[in-house]
Amino acid sequence: LVQAQNAARKEFISQQSLKEATQEMTSDTSDYNYRIGKGDILNIV
Protein backbone atom coordinates (compact mmCIF):
# COMPACT_ATOMS: atom_id res chain seq x y z
CA LEU A 1 0.00 0.00 0.00
CA VAL A 2 2.82 2.41 0.89
CA GLN A 3 4.60 1.68 -2.40
CA ALA A 4 1.39 2.29 -4.37
CA GLN A 5 0.75 5.62 -2.62
CA ASN A 6 4.32 6.80 -3.19
CA ALA A 7 4.11 5.84 -6.88
CA ALA A 8 0.81 7.74 -7.27
CA ARG A 9 2.30 10.79 -5.59
CA LYS A 10 5.37 10.76 -7.88
CA GLU A 11 3.14 10.34 -10.93
CA PHE A 12 1.04 13.34 -9.90
CA ILE A 13 4.14 15.50 -9.42
CA SER A 14 5.49 14.35 -12.79
CA GLN A 15 2.23 15.23 -14.55
CA GLN A 16 2.19 18.64 -12.90
CA SER A 17 5.78 19.28 -14.03
CA LEU A 18 4.89 18.29 -17.61
CA LYS A 19 1.89 20.59 -17.57
CA GLU A 20 4.09 23.34 -16.19
CA ALA A 21 6.62 22.89 -19.01
CA THR A 22 3.99 23.10 -21.78
CA GLN A 23 1.84 25.97 -20.51
CA GLU A 24 2.55 29.66 -20.89
CA MET A 25 4.53 30.80 -17.89
CA THR A 26 2.75 33.83 -16.47
CA SER A 27 5.57 34.28 -13.99
CA ASP A 28 8.27 34.56 -16.68
CA THR A 29 10.41 37.56 -15.75
CA SER A 30 12.87 37.50 -18.67
CA ASP A 31 11.17 40.44 -20.42
CA TYR A 32 10.30 42.41 -17.28
CA ASN A 33 10.69 46.16 -17.64
CA TYR A 34 9.70 48.62 -14.93
CA ARG A 35 7.32 51.36 -16.02
CA ILE A 36 7.69 54.76 -14.41
CA GLY A 37 4.71 55.97 -12.38
CA LYS A 38 3.44 59.02 -10.55
CA GLY A 39 5.48 59.82 -7.47
CA ASP A 40 8.68 58.10 -8.62
CA ILE A 41 11.86 60.17 -8.37
CA LEU A 42 14.19 60.16 -11.38
CA ASN A 43 17.89 60.87 -11.26
CA ILE A 44 19.08 62.40 -14.58
CA VAL A 45 22.76 62.93 -15.38
All heavy atoms as atom14 arrays in JSON, in Angstrom:
{
  "sequence": "LVQAQNAARKEFISQQSLKEATQEMTSDTSDYNYRIGKGDILNIV",
  "atom14_mask": [
    [1, 1, 1, 1, 1, 1, 1, 1, 0, 0, 0, 0, 0, 0],
    [1, 1, 1, 1, 1, 1, 1, 0, 0, 0, 0, 0, 0, 0],
    [1, 1, 1, 1, 1, 1, 1, 1, 1, 0, 0, 0, 0, 0],
    [1, 1, 1, 1, 1, 0, 0, 0, 0, 0, 0, 0, 0, 0],
    [1, 1, 1, 1, 1, 1, 1, 1, 1, 0, 0, 0, 0, 0],
    [1, 1, 1, 1, 1, 1, 1, 1, 0, 0, 0, 0, 0, 0],
    [1, 1, 1, 1, 1, 0, 0, 0, 0, 0, 0, 0, 0, 0],
    [1, 1, 1, 1, 1, 0, 0, 0, 0, 0, 0, 0, 0, 0],
    [1, 1, 1, 1, 1, 1, 1, 1, 1, 1, 1, 0, 0, 0],
    [1, 1, 1, 1, 1, 1, 1, 1, 1, 0, 0, 0, 0, 0],
    [1, 1, 1, 1, 1, 1, 1, 1, 1, 0, 0, 0, 0, 0],
    [1, 1, 1, 1, 1, 1, 1, 1, 1, 1, 1, 0, 0, 0],
    [1, 1, 1, 1, 1, 1, 1, 1, 0, 0, 0, 0, 0, 0],
    [1, 1, 1, 1, 1, 1, 0, 0, 0, 0, 0, 0, 0, 0],
    [1, 1, 1, 1, 1, 1, 1, 1, 1, 0, 0, 0, 0, 0],
    [1, 1, 1, 1, 1, 1, 1, 1, 1, 0, 0, 0, 0, 0],
    [1, 1, 1, 1, 1, 1, 0, 0, 0, 0, 0, 0, 0, 0],
    [1, 1, 1, 1, 1, 1, 1, 1, 0, 0, 0, 0, 0, 0],
    [1, 1, 1, 1, 1, 1, 1, 1, 1, 0, 0, 0, 0, 0],
    [1, 1, 1, 1, 1, 1, 1, 1, 1, 0, 0, 0, 0, 0],
    [1, 1, 1, 1, 1, 0, 0, 0, 0, 0, 0, 0, 0, 0],
    [1, 1, 1, 1, 1, 1, 1, 0, 0, 0, 0, 0, 0, 0],
    [1, 1, 1, 1, 1, 1, 1, 1, 1, 0, 0, 0, 0, 0],
    [1, 1, 1, 1, 1, 1, 1, 1, 1, 0, 0, 0, 0, 0],
    [1, 1, 1, 1, 1, 1, 1, 1, 0, 0, 0, 0, 0, 0],
    [1, 1, 1, 1, 1, 1, 1, 0, 0, 0, 0, 0, 0, 0],
    [1, 1, 1, 1, 1, 1, 0, 0, 0, 0, 0, 0, 0, 0],
    [1, 1, 1, 1, 1, 1, 1, 1, 0, 0, 0, 0, 0, 0],
    [1, 1, 1, 1, 1, 1, 1, 0, 0, 0, 0, 0, 0, 0],
    [1, 1, 1, 1, 1, 1, 0, 0, 0, 0, 0, 0, 0, 0],
    [1, 1, 1, 1, 1, 1, 1, 1, 0, 0, 0, 0, 0, 0],
    [1, 1, 1, 1, 1, 1, 1, 1, 1, 1, 1, 1, 0, 0],
    [1, 1, 1, 1, 1, 1, 1, 1, 0, 0, 0, 0, 0, 0],
    [1, 1, 1, 1, 1, 1, 1, 1, 1, 1, 1, 1, 0, 0],
    [1, 1, 1, 1, 1, 1, 1, 1, 1, 1, 1, 0, 0, 0],
    [1, 1, 1, 1, 1, 1, 1, 1, 0, 0, 0, 0, 0, 0],
    [1, 1, 1, 1, 0, 0, 0, 0, 0, 0, 0, 0, 0, 0],
    [1, 1, 1, 1, 1, 1, 1, 1, 1, 0, 0, 0, 0, 0],
    [1, 1, 1, 1, 0, 0, 0, 0, 0, 0, 0, 0, 0, 0],
    [1, 1, 1, 1, 1, 1, 1, 1, 0, 0, 0, 0, 0, 0],
    [1, 1, 1, 1, 1, 1, 1, 1, 0, 0, 0, 0, 0, 0],
    [1, 1, 1, 1, 1, 1, 1, 1, 0, 0, 0, 0, 0, 0],
    [1, 1, 1, 1, 1, 1, 1, 1, 0, 0, 0, 0, 0, 0],
    [1, 1, 1, 1, 1, 1, 1, 1, 0, 0, 0, 0, 0, 0],
    [1, 1, 1, 1, 1, 1, 1, 0, 0, 0, 0, 0, 0, 0]
  ],
  "atom14_positions": [
    [[0.83, -1.19, 0.0], [0.0, 0.0, 0.0], [0.87, 1.25, 0.0], [0.61, 2.2, -0.74], [-0.92, 0.0, 1.23], [-1.76, 1.26, 1.42], [-2.8, 1.39, 0.32], [-2.43, 1.26, 2.8], [0.0, 0.0, 0.0], [0.0, 0.0, 0.0], [0.0, 0.0, 0.0], [0.0, 0.0, 0.0], [0.0, 0.0, 0.0], [0.0, 0.0, 0.0]],
    [[1.92, 1.26, 0.82], [2.82, 2.41, 0.89], [3.51, 2.63, -0.45], [3.63, 3.77, -0.94], [3.85, 2.21, 2.02], [4.95, 3.27, 1.94], [3.16, 2.26, 3.37], [0.0, 0.0, 0.0], [0.0, 0.0, 0.0], [0.0, 0.0, 0.0], [0.0, 0.0, 0.0], [0.0, 0.0, 0.0], [0.0, 0.0, 0.0], [0.0, 0.0, 0.0]],
    [[3.96, 1.56, -1.09], [4.6, 1.68, -2.4], [3.63, 2.26, -3.44], [4.02, 3.12, -4.25], [5.12, 0.31, -2.87], [6.43, -0.12, -2.24], [6.95, -1.38, -2.88], [6.2, -2.32, -3.15], [8.25, -1.42, -3.15], [0.0, 0.0, 0.0], [0.0, 0.0, 0.0], [0.0, 0.0, 0.0], [0.0, 0.0, 0.0], [0.0, 0.0, 0.0]],
    [[2.38, 1.8, -3.41], [1.39, 2.29, -4.37], [1.1, 3.77, -4.16], [0.98, 4.54, -5.12], [0.1, 1.48, -4.24], [0.0, 0.0, 0.0], [0.0, 0.0, 0.0], [0.0, 0.0, 0.0], [0.0, 0.0, 0.0], [0.0, 0.0, 0.0], [0.0, 0.0, 0.0], [0.0, 0.0, 0.0], [0.0, 0.0, 0.0], [0.0, 0.0, 0.0]],
    [[1.0, 4.21, -2.9], [0.75, 5.62, -2.62], [1.92, 6.48, -3.05], [1.73, 7.57, -3.61], [0.45, 5.81, -1.13], [-0.91, 5.27, -0.71], [-1.23, 5.59, 0.73], [-0.34, 5.89, 1.53], [-2.5, 5.52, 1.08], [0.0, 0.0, 0.0], [0.0, 0.0, 0.0], [0.0, 0.0, 0.0], [0.0, 0.0, 0.0], [0.0, 0.0, 0.0]],
    [[3.14, 6.03, -2.79], [4.32, 6.8, -3.19], [4.41, 6.91, -4.71], [4.76, 7.97, -5.25], [5.59, 6.15, -2.63], [5.72, 6.3, -1.13], [5.08, 7.18, -0.54], [6.52, 5.46, -0.5], [0.0, 0.0, 0.0], [0.0, 0.0, 0.0], [0.0, 0.0, 0.0], [0.0, 0.0, 0.0], [0.0, 0.0, 0.0], [0.0, 0.0, 0.0]],
    [[4.08, 5.81, -5.42], [4.11, 5.84, -6.88], [3.07, 6.81, -7.43], [3.33, 7.56, -8.38], [3.88, 4.44, -7.44], [0.0, 0.0, 0.0], [0.0, 0.0, 0.0], [0.0, 0.0, 0.0], [0.0, 0.0, 0.0], [0.0, 0.0, 0.0], [0.0, 0.0, 0.0], [0.0, 0.0, 0.0], [0.0, 0.0, 0.0], [0.0, 0.0, 0.0]],
    [[1.87, 6.82, -6.83], [0.81, 7.74, -7.27], [1.21, 9.18, -7.03], [0.95, 10.06, -7.85], [-0.49, 7.4, -6.55], [0.0, 0.0, 0.0], [0.0, 0.0, 0.0], [0.0, 0.0, 0.0], [0.0, 0.0, 0.0], [0.0, 0.0, 0.0], [0.0, 0.0, 0.0], [0.0, 0.0, 0.0], [0.0, 0.0, 0.0], [0.0, 0.0, 0.0]],
    [[1.87, 9.43, -5.91], [2.3, 10.79, -5.59], [3.37, 11.26, -6.58], [3.33, 12.4, -7.06], [2.83, 10.84, -4.16], [3.12, 12.24, -3.65], [3.53, 12.23, -2.19], [2.47, 11.72, -1.36], [2.49, 10.55, -0.75], [3.54, 9.75, -0.88], [1.48, 10.15, -0.01], [0.0, 0.0, 0.0], [0.0, 0.0, 0.0], [0.0, 0.0, 0.0]],
    [[4.32, 10.41, -6.92], [5.37, 10.76, -7.88], [4.77, 10.99, -9.27], [5.19, 11.9, -9.99], [6.43, 9.67, -7.92], [7.28, 9.59, -6.66], [8.3, 8.47, -6.76], [9.15, 8.39, -5.49], [10.13, 7.28, -5.55], [0.0, 0.0, 0.0], [0.0, 0.0, 0.0], [0.0, 0.0, 0.0], [0.0, 0.0, 0.0], [0.0, 0.0, 0.0]],
    [[3.78, 10.18, -9.63], [3.14, 10.34, -10.93], [2.4, 11.68, -11.01], [2.45, 12.37, -12.04], [2.15, 9.19, -11.16], [1.37, 9.28, -12.47], [2.25, 9.14, -13.7], [3.38, 8.6, -13.58], [1.81, 9.58, -14.78], [0.0, 0.0, 0.0], [0.0, 0.0, 0.0], [0.0, 0.0, 0.0], [0.0, 0.0, 0.0], [0.0, 0.0, 0.0]],
    [[1.75, 12.05, -9.93], [1.04, 13.34, -9.9], [2.02, 14.49, -10.05], [1.78, 15.43, -10.82], [0.26, 13.46, -8.59], [-0.39, 14.81, -8.4], [-1.57, 15.12, -9.07], [0.17, 15.76, -7.56], [-2.17, 16.35, -8.9], [-0.42, 16.99, -7.39], [-1.59, 17.3, -8.06], [0.0, 0.0, 0.0], [0.0, 0.0, 0.0], [0.0, 0.0, 0.0]],
    [[3.14, 14.43, -9.33], [4.14, 15.5, -9.42], [4.72, 15.56, -10.83], [4.95, 16.64, -11.39], [5.25, 15.28, -8.37], [4.67, 15.42, -6.96], [6.4, 16.26, -8.57], [5.65, 15.06, -5.86], [0.0, 0.0, 0.0], [0.0, 0.0, 0.0], [0.0, 0.0, 0.0], [0.0, 0.0, 0.0], [0.0, 0.0, 0.0], [0.0, 0.0, 0.0]],
    [[4.95, 14.39, -11.43], [5.49, 14.35, -12.79], [4.52, 14.97, -13.78], [4.92, 15.72, -14.68], [5.8, 12.9, -13.18], [6.24, 12.82, -14.5], [0.0, 0.0, 0.0], [0.0, 0.0, 0.0], [0.0, 0.0, 0.0], [0.0, 0.0, 0.0], [0.0, 0.0, 0.0], [0.0, 0.0, 0.0], [0.0, 0.0, 0.0], [0.0, 0.0, 0.0]],
    [[3.23, 14.67, -13.65], [2.23, 15.23, -14.55], [2.13, 16.74, -14.39], [1.99, 17.48, -15.36], [0.87, 14.58, -14.3], [0.8, 13.13, -14.74], [-0.55, 12.5, -14.43], [-1.4, 13.13, -13.8], [-0.74, 11.26, -14.84], [0.0, 0.0, 0.0], [0.0, 0.0, 0.0], [0.0, 0.0, 0.0], [0.0, 0.0, 0.0], [0.0, 0.0, 0.0]],
    [[2.23, 17.21, -13.15], [2.19, 18.64, -12.9], [3.39, 19.34, -13.53], [3.27, 20.42, -14.09], [2.14, 18.92, -11.4], [0.84, 18.53, -10.74], [-0.33, 19.36, -11.24], [-1.14, 18.86, -12.01], [-0.41, 20.61, -10.85], [0.0, 0.0, 0.0], [0.0, 0.0, 0.0], [0.0, 0.0, 0.0], [0.0, 0.0, 0.0], [0.0, 0.0, 0.0]],
    [[4.58, 18.69, -13.44], [5.78, 19.28, -14.03], [5.67, 19.34, -15.54], [6.11, 20.31, -16.17], [7.01, 18.45, -13.62], [7.16, 18.43, -12.22], [0.0, 0.0, 0.0], [0.0, 0.0, 0.0], [0.0, 0.0, 0.0], [0.0, 0.0, 0.0], [0.0, 0.0, 0.0], [0.0, 0.0, 0.0], [0.0, 0.0, 0.0], [0.0, 0.0, 0.0]],
    [[5.08, 18.29, -16.16], [4.89, 18.29, -17.61], [3.92, 19.4, -18.03], [4.15, 20.11, -19.0], [4.36, 16.93, -18.06], [4.11, 16.76, -19.57], [5.41, 16.94, -20.33], [3.5, 15.39, -19.84], [0.0, 0.0, 0.0], [0.0, 0.0, 0.0], [0.0, 0.0, 0.0], [0.0, 0.0, 0.0], [0.0, 0.0, 0.0], [0.0, 0.0, 0.0]],
    [[2.86, 19.54, -17.29], [1.89, 20.59, -17.57], [2.54, 21.96, -17.44], [2.31, 22.87, -18.23], [0.71, 20.47, -16.6], [-0.34, 21.55, -16.75], [-1.44, 21.36, -15.72], [-2.46, 22.48, -15.82], [-3.52, 22.35, -14.79], [0.0, 0.0, 0.0], [0.0, 0.0, 0.0], [0.0, 0.0, 0.0], [0.0, 0.0, 0.0], [0.0, 0.0, 0.0]],
    [[3.39, 22.08, -16.44], [4.09, 23.34, -16.19], [5.03, 23.68, -17.33], [5.18, 24.84, -17.72], [4.87, 23.21, -14.87], [5.58, 24.45, -14.42], [6.24, 24.21, -13.08], [5.52, 24.07, -12.08], [7.47, 24.16, -13.05], [0.0, 0.0, 0.0], [0.0, 0.0, 0.0], [0.0, 0.0, 0.0], [0.0, 0.0, 0.0], [0.0, 0.0, 0.0]],
    [[5.65, 22.66, -17.93], [6.62, 22.89, -19.01], [5.93, 23.27, -20.31], [6.53, 23.95, -21.16], [7.46, 21.65, -19.22], [0.0, 0.0, 0.0], [0.0, 0.0, 0.0], [0.0, 0.0, 0.0], [0.0, 0.0, 0.0], [0.0, 0.0, 0.0], [0.0, 0.0, 0.0], [0.0, 0.0, 0.0], [0.0, 0.0, 0.0], [0.0, 0.0, 0.0]],
    [[4.67, 22.86, -20.52], [3.99, 23.1, -21.78], [3.09, 24.33, -21.76], [2.68, 24.81, -22.8], [3.13, 21.88, -22.15], [2.23, 21.6, -21.08], [4.02, 20.66, -22.37], [0.0, 0.0, 0.0], [0.0, 0.0, 0.0], [0.0, 0.0, 0.0], [0.0, 0.0, 0.0], [0.0, 0.0, 0.0], [0.0, 0.0, 0.0], [0.0, 0.0, 0.0]],
    [[2.74, 24.82, -20.57], [1.84, 25.97, -20.51], [2.62, 27.27, -20.56], [3.83, 27.31, -20.34], [1.0, 25.92, -19.22], [1.8, 26.19, -17.95], [0.91, 26.12, -16.72], [-0.25, 25.81, -16.8], [1.5, 26.41, -15.58], [0.0, 0.0, 0.0], [0.0, 0.0, 0.0], [0.0, 0.0, 0.0], [0.0, 0.0, 0.0], [0.0, 0.0, 0.0]],
    [[1.92, 28.35, -20.86], [2.55, 29.66, -20.89], [2.86, 30.09, -19.47], [1.99, 30.08, -18.59], [1.62, 30.68, -21.55], [2.22, 32.08, -21.65], [1.26, 33.07, -22.3], [0.18, 32.62, -22.73], [1.59, 34.24, -22.37], [0.0, 0.0, 0.0], [0.0, 0.0, 0.0], [0.0, 0.0, 0.0], [0.0, 0.0, 0.0], [0.0, 0.0, 0.0]],
    [[4.1, 30.45, -19.24], [4.53, 30.8, -17.89], [4.18, 32.25, -17.61], [4.82, 33.18, -18.13], [6.03, 30.57, -17.74], [6.45, 29.12, -17.87], [6.0, 28.18, -16.41], [7.17, 28.83, -15.25], [0.0, 0.0, 0.0], [0.0, 0.0, 0.0], [0.0, 0.0, 0.0], [0.0, 0.0, 0.0], [0.0, 0.0, 0.0], [0.0, 0.0, 0.0]],
    [[3.14, 32.46, -16.79], [2.75, 33.83, -16.47], [3.74, 34.5, -15.54], [3.71, 35.7, -15.36], [1.36, 33.84, -15.81], [1.39, 33.02, -14.64], [0.32, 33.31, -16.77], [0.0, 0.0, 0.0], [0.0, 0.0, 0.0], [0.0, 0.0, 0.0], [0.0, 0.0, 0.0], [0.0, 0.0, 0.0], [0.0, 0.0, 0.0], [0.0, 0.0, 0.0]],
    [[4.6, 33.71, -14.92], [5.57, 34.28, -13.99], [6.93, 34.48, -14.64], [7.91, 34.73, -13.96], [5.71, 33.35, -12.77], [6.15, 32.08, -13.17], [0.0, 0.0, 0.0], [0.0, 0.0, 0.0], [0.0, 0.0, 0.0], [0.0, 0.0, 0.0], [0.0, 0.0, 0.0], [0.0, 0.0, 0.0], [0.0, 0.0, 0.0], [0.0, 0.0, 0.0]],
    [[7.01, 34.37, -15.98], [8.27, 34.56, -16.68], [8.72, 36.01, -16.52], [7.99, 36.94, -16.85], [8.11, 34.2, -18.15], [9.44, 34.25, -18.9], [10.48, 34.36, -18.22], [9.42, 34.18, -20.14], [0.0, 0.0, 0.0], [0.0, 0.0, 0.0], [0.0, 0.0, 0.0], [0.0, 0.0, 0.0], [0.0, 0.0, 0.0], [0.0, 0.0, 0.0]],
    [[9.92, 36.21, -16.01], [10.41, 37.56, -15.75], [11.51, 37.98, -16.71], [12.15, 39.01, -16.5], [10.96, 37.63, -14.3], [12.03, 36.67, -14.16], [9.87, 37.32, -13.29], [0.0, 0.0, 0.0], [0.0, 0.0, 0.0], [0.0, 0.0, 0.0], [0.0, 0.0, 0.0], [0.0, 0.0, 0.0], [0.0, 0.0, 0.0], [0.0, 0.0, 0.0]],
    [[11.75, 37.2, -17.78], [12.87, 37.5, -18.67], [12.67, 38.82, -19.41], [13.65, 39.5, -19.74], [13.06, 36.36, -19.67], [11.89, 36.16, -20.44], [0.0, 0.0, 0.0], [0.0, 0.0, 0.0], [0.0, 0.0, 0.0], [0.0, 0.0, 0.0], [0.0, 0.0, 0.0], [0.0, 0.0, 0.0], [0.0, 0.0, 0.0], [0.0, 0.0, 0.0]],
    [[11.41, 39.2, -19.69], [11.17, 40.44, -20.42], [10.59, 41.53, -19.52], [9.96, 42.48, -19.99], [10.21, 40.19, -21.6], [8.88, 39.6, -21.14], [8.78, 39.23, -19.96], [7.96, 39.52, -21.97], [0.0, 0.0, 0.0], [0.0, 0.0, 0.0], [0.0, 0.0, 0.0], [0.0, 0.0, 0.0], [0.0, 0.0, 0.0], [0.0, 0.0, 0.0]],
    [[10.84, 41.42, -18.22], [10.3, 42.41, -17.28], [10.97, 43.76, -17.48], [12.19, 43.85, -17.64], [10.5, 41.93, -15.84], [10.1, 42.95, -14.8], [8.76, 43.15, -14.49], [11.06, 43.71, -14.14], [8.38, 44.07, -13.54], [10.69, 44.64, -13.18], [9.34, 44.82, -12.89], [8.97, 45.74, -11.95], [0.0, 0.0, 0.0], [0.0, 0.0, 0.0]],
    [[10.17, 44.8, -17.48], [10.69, 46.16, -17.64], [9.85, 47.1, -16.8], [8.64, 47.23, -17.04], [10.65, 46.56, -19.12], [11.76, 47.53, -19.48], [12.26, 48.25, -18.61], [12.14, 47.56, -20.75], [0.0, 0.0, 0.0], [0.0, 0.0, 0.0], [0.0, 0.0, 0.0], [0.0, 0.0, 0.0], [0.0, 0.0, 0.0], [0.0, 0.0, 0.0]],
    [[10.45, 47.74, -15.83], [9.7, 48.62, -14.93], [9.19, 49.85, -15.68], [9.91, 50.47, -16.46], [10.59, 49.06, -13.77], [9.89, 49.96, -12.79], [9.06, 49.43, -11.81], [10.04, 51.35, -12.84], [8.4, 50.25, -10.91], [9.39, 52.18, -11.94], [8.57, 51.62, -10.98], [7.92, 52.43, -10.09], [0.0, 0.0, 0.0], [0.0, 0.0, 0.0]],
    [[7.94, 50.19, -15.42], [7.32, 51.36, -16.02], [7.21, 52.46, -14.97], [6.69, 52.24, -13.87], [5.93, 51.0, -16.56], [5.95, 49.94, -17.66], [6.52, 50.49, -18.94], [6.71, 49.44, -19.95], [7.11, 49.68, -21.19], [7.37, 50.93, -21.57], [7.27, 48.69, -22.04], [0.0, 0.0, 0.0], [0.0, 0.0, 0.0], [0.0, 0.0, 0.0]],
    [[7.68, 53.63, -15.33], [7.69, 54.76, -14.41], [6.26, 55.18, -14.08], [5.36, 55.13, -14.94], [8.46, 55.94, -15.04], [9.92, 55.53, -15.28], [8.4, 57.19, -14.15], [10.7, 56.51, -16.12], [0.0, 0.0, 0.0], [0.0, 0.0, 0.0], [0.0, 0.0, 0.0], [0.0, 0.0, 0.0], [0.0, 0.0, 0.0], [0.0, 0.0, 0.0]],
    [[6.04, 55.56, -12.81], [4.71, 55.97, -12.38], [4.74, 57.27, -11.61], [5.8, 57.82, -11.29], [0.0, 0.0, 0.0], [0.0, 0.0, 0.0], [0.0, 0.0, 0.0], [0.0, 0.0, 0.0], [0.0, 0.0, 0.0], [0.0, 0.0, 0.0], [0.0, 0.0, 0.0], [0.0, 0.0, 0.0], [0.0, 0.0, 0.0], [0.0, 0.0, 0.0]],
    [[3.57, 57.76, -11.3], [3.44, 59.02, -10.55], [4.03, 58.88, -9.15], [3.73, 57.92, -8.45], [1.97, 59.42, -10.46], [1.3, 59.57, -11.82], [-0.19, 59.77, -11.68], [-0.87, 59.82, -13.05], [-2.34, 59.98, -12.96], [0.0, 0.0, 0.0], [0.0, 0.0, 0.0], [0.0, 0.0, 0.0], [0.0, 0.0, 0.0], [0.0, 0.0, 0.0]],
    [[4.86, 59.85, -8.78], [5.48, 59.82, -7.47], [6.89, 59.29, -7.47], [7.64, 59.48, -6.49], [0.0, 0.0, 0.0], [0.0, 0.0, 0.0], [0.0, 0.0, 0.0], [0.0, 0.0, 0.0], [0.0, 0.0, 0.0], [0.0, 0.0, 0.0], [0.0, 0.0, 0.0], [0.0, 0.0, 0.0], [0.0, 0.0, 0.0], [0.0, 0.0, 0.0]],
    [[7.29, 58.57, -8.52], [8.68, 58.1, -8.62], [9.63, 59.3, -8.73], [9.25, 60.4, -9.2], [8.86, 57.21, -9.84], [8.25, 55.83, -9.66], [8.0, 55.45, -8.5], [7.99, 55.15, -10.67], [0.0, 0.0, 0.0], [0.0, 0.0, 0.0], [0.0, 0.0, 0.0], [0.0, 0.0, 0.0], [0.0, 0.0, 0.0], [0.0, 0.0, 0.0]],
    [[10.85, 59.11, -8.3], [11.86, 60.17, -8.37], [12.96, 59.7, -9.31], [13.57, 58.65, -9.1], [12.44, 60.48, -6.98], [11.31, 60.93, -6.03], [13.52, 61.56, -7.07], [11.77, 61.2, -4.61], [0.0, 0.0, 0.0], [0.0, 0.0, 0.0], [0.0, 0.0, 0.0], [0.0, 0.0, 0.0], [0.0, 0.0, 0.0], [0.0, 0.0, 0.0]],
    [[13.2, 60.5, -10.37], [14.19, 60.16, -11.38], [15.48, 60.92, -11.13], [15.46, 62.1, -10.74], [13.67, 60.49, -12.78], [12.32, 59.89, -13.19], [12.01, 60.26, -14.64], [12.31, 58.4, -13.0], [0.0, 0.0, 0.0], [0.0, 0.0, 0.0], [0.0, 0.0, 0.0], [0.0, 0.0, 0.0], [0.0, 0.0, 0.0], [0.0, 0.0, 0.0]],
    [[16.58, 60.24, -11.35], [17.89, 60.87, -11.26], [18.45, 60.95, -12.69], [18.7, 59.92, -13.32], [18.81, 60.04, -10.36], [20.15, 60.69, -10.14], [20.24, 61.92, -10.11], [21.19, 59.9, -10.02], [0.0, 0.0, 0.0], [0.0, 0.0, 0.0], [0.0, 0.0, 0.0], [0.0, 0.0, 0.0], [0.0, 0.0, 0.0], [0.0, 0.0, 0.0]],
    [[18.65, 62.18, -13.19], [19.08, 62.4, -14.58], [20.46, 63.05, -14.57], [20.68, 64.07, -13.92], [18.07, 63.29, -15.33], [16.67, 62.66, -15.27], [18.51, 63.5, -16.78], [15.57, 63.54, -15.83], [0.0, 0.0, 0.0], [0.0, 0.0, 0.0], [0.0, 0.0, 0.0], [0.0, 0.0, 0.0], [0.0, 0.0, 0.0], [0.0, 0.0, 0.0]],
    [[21.38, 62.44, -15.3], [22.76, 62.93, -15.38], [23.11, 63.15, -16.84], [22.9, 62.26, -17.68], [23.74, 61.93, -14.74], [25.19, 62.42, -14.9], [23.41, 61.7, -13.28], [0.0, 0.0, 0.0], [0.0, 0.0, 0.0], [0.0, 0.0, 0.0], [0.0, 0.0, 0.0], [0.0, 0.0, 0.0], [0.0, 0.0, 0.0], [0.0, 0.0, 0.0]]
  ]
}
